[in-house]
Structure formats: structure tokens, C-alpha cells
Amino acid sequence: MDWKIFLATFGAIFFAEMADKTQLVGLTMAAKSQKPWAVWLGSVSAYLIVTAISVLLGMLLSRYLKPEWLKVAGGVIFVVMGVLLLFDKL
């Protein structure tokens, strides 16, 4: 295992996901349902599947595109979504 890659990925995702809307959904669901373990299991399962899809998609796309292009495309998509949300078009 490459611990440098592991720790870099862990740190990036941990801080990127902290206090985002996913966290707020988990907080709300746990408060409403009073079933924190079910909410935790659902959250972890969903994140596991989403992460697996993103990693597999990244592996597939890296065969055809340079990592720099993926980084630029991700940034452009992020900015476009932000602008659409800003103008309430998404």
C-alpha cells in the first residue's frame, strides 16, 4: 500500500466533505428518525458505492485522457455548476 497516496486522499476527502450538504443530510436524518446506526450505515454504504464508481471511472478515463485534462474538466464542471446554482438554474 502506498501510504503517501492513502494519506493524501484521506486528507483531501476528509476536509472536502466536512460540513457539506451530505453532513447536513445525515444530521437531519438521524435527528428525524432517531435511528443513528441506520443513518450511519446508509450513509457509509452510499459513499462507498459513489467512491467506487468515481475511482473506476477515473481509472477508465485515465486510459484515454491525461490527468491534467481530467483536472481541468472537473474544475470547469464545478465552476459551471456553481454559476448555475448561483442563478438558480440547476
N, C-alpha and C. Protein backbone atom coordinates (compact mmCIF):
# COMPACT_ATOMS: atom_id res chain seq x y z
N MET A 1 0.85 -1.18 0.00
CA MET A 1 0.00 0.00 0.00
C MET A 1 0.89 1.24 0.00
N ASP A 2 0.52 2.20 -0.82
CA ASP A 2 1.25 3.47 -0.87
C ASP A 2 0.61 4.41 0.16
N TRP A 3 1.23 4.52 1.33
CA TRP A 3 0.67 5.30 2.44
C TRP A 3 0.63 6.79 2.14
N LYS A 4 1.54 7.27 1.32
CA LYS A 4 1.54 8.68 0.96
C LYS A 4 0.26 9.01 0.16
N ILE A 5 -0.07 8.18 -0.80
CA ILE A 5 -1.30 8.37 -1.59
C ILE A 5 -2.52 8.19 -0.70
N PHE A 6 -2.50 7.18 0.17
CA PHE A 6 -3.61 6.94 1.09
C PHE A 6 -3.88 8.18 1.96
N LEU A 7 -2.82 8.68 2.59
CA LEU A 7 -2.99 9.82 3.49
C LEU A 7 -3.39 11.09 2.75
N ALA A 8 -2.85 11.30 1.56
CA ALA A 8 -3.23 12.47 0.76
C ALA A 8 -4.71 12.39 0.37
N THR A 9 -5.15 11.21 -0.05
CA THR A 9 -6.55 11.03 -0.43
C THR A 9 -7.46 11.18 0.78
N PHE A 10 -7.08 10.56 1.89
CA PHE A 10 -7.87 10.67 3.12
C PHE A 10 -8.02 12.13 3.53
N GLY A 11 -6.92 12.84 3.57
CA GLY A 11 -6.95 14.24 4.00
C GLY A 11 -7.79 15.11 3.07
N ALA A 12 -7.61 14.93 1.77
CA ALA A 12 -8.37 15.73 0.81
C ALA A 12 -9.86 15.48 0.93
N ILE A 13 -10.26 14.23 1.01
CA ILE A 13 -11.69 13.90 1.09
C ILE A 13 -12.25 14.27 2.45
N PHE A 14 -11.52 14.02 3.51
CA PHE A 14 -12.00 14.33 4.85
C PHE A 14 -12.33 15.82 4.98
N PHE A 15 -11.40 16.67 4.56
CA PHE A 15 -11.62 18.11 4.71
C PHE A 15 -12.61 18.66 3.67
N ALA A 16 -12.67 18.05 2.49
CA ALA A 16 -13.62 18.50 1.47
C ALA A 16 -15.06 18.16 1.87
N GLU A 17 -15.24 17.04 2.54
CA GLU A 17 -16.58 16.60 2.91
C GLU A 17 -17.05 17.14 4.25
N MET A 18 -16.14 17.71 5.02
CA MET A 18 -16.52 18.19 6.34
C MET A 18 -17.51 19.35 6.22
N ALA A 19 -18.65 19.22 6.90
CA ALA A 19 -19.69 20.26 6.97
C ALA A 19 -20.28 20.61 5.61
N ASP A 20 -20.36 19.66 4.70
CA ASP A 20 -21.04 19.93 3.43
C ASP A 20 -22.48 19.46 3.53
N LYS A 21 -23.21 19.54 2.43
CA LYS A 21 -24.63 19.19 2.48
C LYS A 21 -24.87 17.72 2.81
N THR A 22 -23.91 16.85 2.50
CA THR A 22 -24.05 15.44 2.86
C THR A 22 -24.08 15.29 4.38
N GLN A 23 -23.23 16.03 5.05
CA GLN A 23 -23.21 16.00 6.51
C GLN A 23 -24.54 16.49 7.08
N LEU A 24 -25.08 17.54 6.48
CA LEU A 24 -26.35 18.09 6.95
C LEU A 24 -27.50 17.11 6.74
N VAL A 25 -27.47 16.37 5.64
CA VAL A 25 -28.50 15.35 5.40
C VAL A 25 -28.41 14.27 6.47
N GLY A 26 -27.21 13.80 6.76
CA GLY A 26 -27.03 12.78 7.80
C GLY A 26 -27.51 13.27 9.16
N LEU A 27 -27.16 14.50 9.49
CA LEU A 27 -27.57 15.09 10.76
C LEU A 27 -29.10 15.16 10.85
N THR A 28 -29.73 15.63 9.77
CA THR A 28 -31.19 15.76 9.75
C THR A 28 -31.87 14.40 9.82
N MET A 29 -31.37 13.44 9.04
CA MET A 29 -31.97 12.10 9.03
C MET A 29 -31.86 11.44 10.40
N ALA A 30 -30.71 11.58 11.05
CA ALA A 30 -30.53 10.98 12.37
C ALA A 30 -31.45 11.64 13.39
N ALA A 31 -31.59 12.95 13.30
CA ALA A 31 -32.46 13.67 14.24
C ALA A 31 -33.93 13.29 14.04
N LYS A 32 -34.35 13.20 12.78
CA LYS A 32 -35.76 12.88 12.49
C LYS A 32 -36.10 11.44 12.83
N SER A 33 -35.22 10.53 12.44
CA SER A 33 -35.53 9.10 12.58
C SER A 33 -35.22 8.55 13.97
N GLN A 34 -34.32 9.20 14.68
CA GLN A 34 -33.82 8.69 15.96
C GLN A 34 -33.21 7.30 15.80
N LYS A 35 -32.69 7.02 14.61
CA LYS A 35 -32.04 5.74 14.30
C LYS A 35 -30.64 6.03 13.75
N PRO A 36 -29.72 6.47 14.60
CA PRO A 36 -28.40 6.89 14.10
C PRO A 36 -27.61 5.78 13.41
N TRP A 37 -27.74 4.55 13.87
CA TRP A 37 -26.98 3.47 13.25
C TRP A 37 -27.48 3.17 11.85
N ALA A 38 -28.78 3.23 11.64
CA ALA A 38 -29.34 3.02 10.29
C ALA A 38 -28.90 4.14 9.36
N VAL A 39 -28.91 5.37 9.86
CA VAL A 39 -28.46 6.52 9.07
C VAL A 39 -26.98 6.38 8.75
N TRP A 40 -26.18 6.00 9.73
CA TRP A 40 -24.75 5.82 9.51
C TRP A 40 -24.48 4.75 8.46
N LEU A 41 -25.16 3.60 8.60
CA LEU A 41 -24.96 2.51 7.66
C LEU A 41 -25.39 2.90 6.24
N GLY A 42 -26.51 3.61 6.13
CA GLY A 42 -26.96 4.08 4.82
C GLY A 42 -25.98 5.07 4.22
N SER A 43 -25.46 5.98 5.04
CA SER A 43 -24.50 6.98 4.57
C SER A 43 -23.20 6.33 4.10
N VAL A 44 -22.68 5.45 4.92
CA VAL A 44 -21.42 4.78 4.58
C VAL A 44 -21.59 3.92 3.33
N SER A 45 -22.69 3.21 3.22
CA SER A 45 -22.94 2.38 2.03
C SER A 45 -23.03 3.22 0.77
N ALA A 46 -23.76 4.32 0.84
CA ALA A 46 -23.90 5.20 -0.32
C ALA A 46 -22.55 5.79 -0.71
N TYR A 47 -21.79 6.25 0.27
CA TYR A 47 -20.50 6.85 -0.03
C TYR A 47 -19.52 5.82 -0.60
N LEU A 48 -19.60 4.60 -0.10
CA LEU A 48 -18.75 3.53 -0.62
C LEU A 48 -19.04 3.29 -2.10
N ILE A 49 -20.30 3.23 -2.47
CA ILE A 49 -20.68 2.98 -3.86
C ILE A 49 -20.29 4.16 -4.74
N VAL A 50 -20.57 5.38 -4.30
CA VAL A 50 -20.22 6.57 -5.08
C VAL A 50 -18.70 6.65 -5.27
N THR A 51 -17.95 6.36 -4.24
CA THR A 51 -16.50 6.40 -4.33
C THR A 51 -15.99 5.32 -5.28
N ALA A 52 -16.54 4.13 -5.20
CA ALA A 52 -16.14 3.05 -6.10
C ALA A 52 -16.39 3.44 -7.56
N ILE A 53 -17.54 4.04 -7.82
CA ILE A 53 -17.86 4.48 -9.18
C ILE A 53 -16.87 5.54 -9.64
N SER A 54 -16.56 6.51 -8.78
CA SER A 54 -15.64 7.57 -9.19
C SER A 54 -14.23 7.04 -9.43
N VAL A 55 -13.78 6.11 -8.61
CA VAL A 55 -12.44 5.54 -8.79
C VAL A 55 -12.39 4.72 -10.08
N LEU A 56 -13.40 3.91 -10.32
CA LEU A 56 -13.43 3.11 -11.55
C LEU A 56 -13.52 4.00 -12.79
N LEU A 57 -14.33 5.04 -12.72
CA LEU A 57 -14.45 5.98 -13.83
C LEU A 57 -13.12 6.71 -14.06
N GLY A 58 -12.45 7.09 -12.97
CA GLY A 58 -11.14 7.72 -13.09
C GLY A 58 -10.12 6.81 -13.75
N MET A 59 -10.14 5.53 -13.37
CA MET A 59 -9.22 4.57 -13.98
C MET A 59 -9.51 4.42 -15.47
N LEU A 60 -10.79 4.34 -15.82
CA LEU A 60 -11.18 4.18 -17.23
C LEU A 60 -10.79 5.42 -18.04
N LEU A 61 -11.12 6.60 -17.53
CA LEU A 61 -10.82 7.83 -18.26
C LEU A 61 -9.32 8.07 -18.38
N SER A 62 -8.55 7.63 -17.39
CA SER A 62 -7.10 7.85 -17.44
C SER A 62 -6.44 7.06 -18.56
N ARG A 63 -7.12 6.07 -19.09
CA ARG A 63 -6.58 5.32 -20.23
C ARG A 63 -6.63 6.15 -21.50
N TYR A 64 -7.57 7.10 -21.56
CA TYR A 64 -7.80 7.87 -22.78
C TYR A 64 -7.44 9.35 -22.65
N LEU A 65 -7.40 9.85 -21.42
CA LEU A 65 -7.13 11.27 -21.20
C LEU A 65 -5.98 11.45 -20.21
N LYS A 66 -5.24 12.52 -20.38
CA LYS A 66 -4.18 12.84 -19.43
C LYS A 66 -4.80 13.34 -18.13
N PRO A 67 -4.16 13.08 -16.98
CA PRO A 67 -4.70 13.55 -15.70
C PRO A 67 -4.95 15.06 -15.67
N GLU A 68 -4.11 15.81 -16.37
CA GLU A 68 -4.28 17.26 -16.41
C GLU A 68 -5.63 17.64 -17.03
N TRP A 69 -6.02 16.92 -18.08
CA TRP A 69 -7.30 17.18 -18.74
C TRP A 69 -8.47 16.85 -17.82
N LEU A 70 -8.34 15.77 -17.06
CA LEU A 70 -9.39 15.41 -16.11
C LEU A 70 -9.52 16.47 -15.02
N LYS A 71 -8.38 16.99 -14.58
CA LYS A 71 -8.39 18.03 -13.55
C LYS A 71 -9.06 19.30 -14.08
N VAL A 72 -8.74 19.70 -15.29
CA VAL A 72 -9.35 20.88 -15.90
C VAL A 72 -10.84 20.65 -16.11
N ALA A 73 -11.21 19.48 -16.62
CA ALA A 73 -12.63 19.18 -16.86
C ALA A 73 -13.41 19.21 -15.55
N GLY A 74 -12.85 18.63 -14.50
CA GLY A 74 -13.51 18.66 -13.19
C GLY A 74 -13.69 20.07 -12.68
N GLY A 75 -12.67 20.91 -12.85
CA GLY A 75 -12.76 22.30 -12.43
C GLY A 75 -13.81 23.07 -13.21
N VAL A 76 -13.85 22.85 -14.51
CA VAL A 76 -14.83 23.54 -15.35
C VAL A 76 -16.25 23.12 -14.96
N ILE A 77 -16.46 21.83 -14.77
CA ILE A 77 -17.79 21.34 -14.37
C ILE A 77 -18.19 21.94 -13.03
N PHE A 78 -17.25 21.99 -12.10
CA PHE A 78 -17.52 22.55 -10.78
C PHE A 78 -17.92 24.03 -10.88
N VAL A 79 -17.19 24.80 -11.69
CA VAL A 79 -17.50 26.23 -11.85
C VAL A 79 -18.85 26.41 -12.53
N VAL A 80 -19.13 25.63 -13.58
CA VAL A 80 -20.42 25.74 -14.28
C VAL A 80 -21.57 25.42 -13.32
N MET A 81 -21.43 24.37 -12.52
CA MET A 81 -22.48 24.03 -11.56
C MET A 81 -22.66 25.15 -10.55
N GLY A 82 -21.56 25.76 -10.10
CA GLY A 82 -21.64 26.87 -9.16
C GLY A 82 -22.37 28.06 -9.75
N VAL A 83 -22.08 28.39 -11.01
CA VAL A 83 -22.75 29.51 -11.67
C VAL A 83 -24.23 29.21 -11.85
N LEU A 84 -24.55 27.98 -12.26
CA LEU A 84 -25.96 27.61 -12.42
C LEU A 84 -26.71 27.67 -11.09
N LEU A 85 -26.06 27.20 -10.02
CA LEU A 85 -26.68 27.29 -8.70
C LEU A 85 -26.84 28.74 -8.25
N LEU A 86 -25.86 29.55 -8.57
CA LEU A 86 -25.91 30.96 -8.21
C LEU A 86 -27.12 31.64 -8.84
N PHE A 87 -27.41 31.27 -10.08
CA PHE A 87 -28.55 31.86 -10.78
C PHE A 87 -29.79 30.99 -10.71
N ASP A 88 -29.75 29.96 -9.84
CA ASP A 88 -30.88 29.07 -9.59
C ASP A 88 -31.41 28.41 -10.85
N LYS A 89 -30.50 27.93 -11.68
CA LYS A 89 -30.87 27.28 -12.94
C LYS A 89 -30.65 25.78 -12.91
N LEU A 90 -30.14 25.27 -11.82
CA LEU A 90 -29.83 23.83 -11.74
C LEU A 90 -30.84 23.13 -10.88
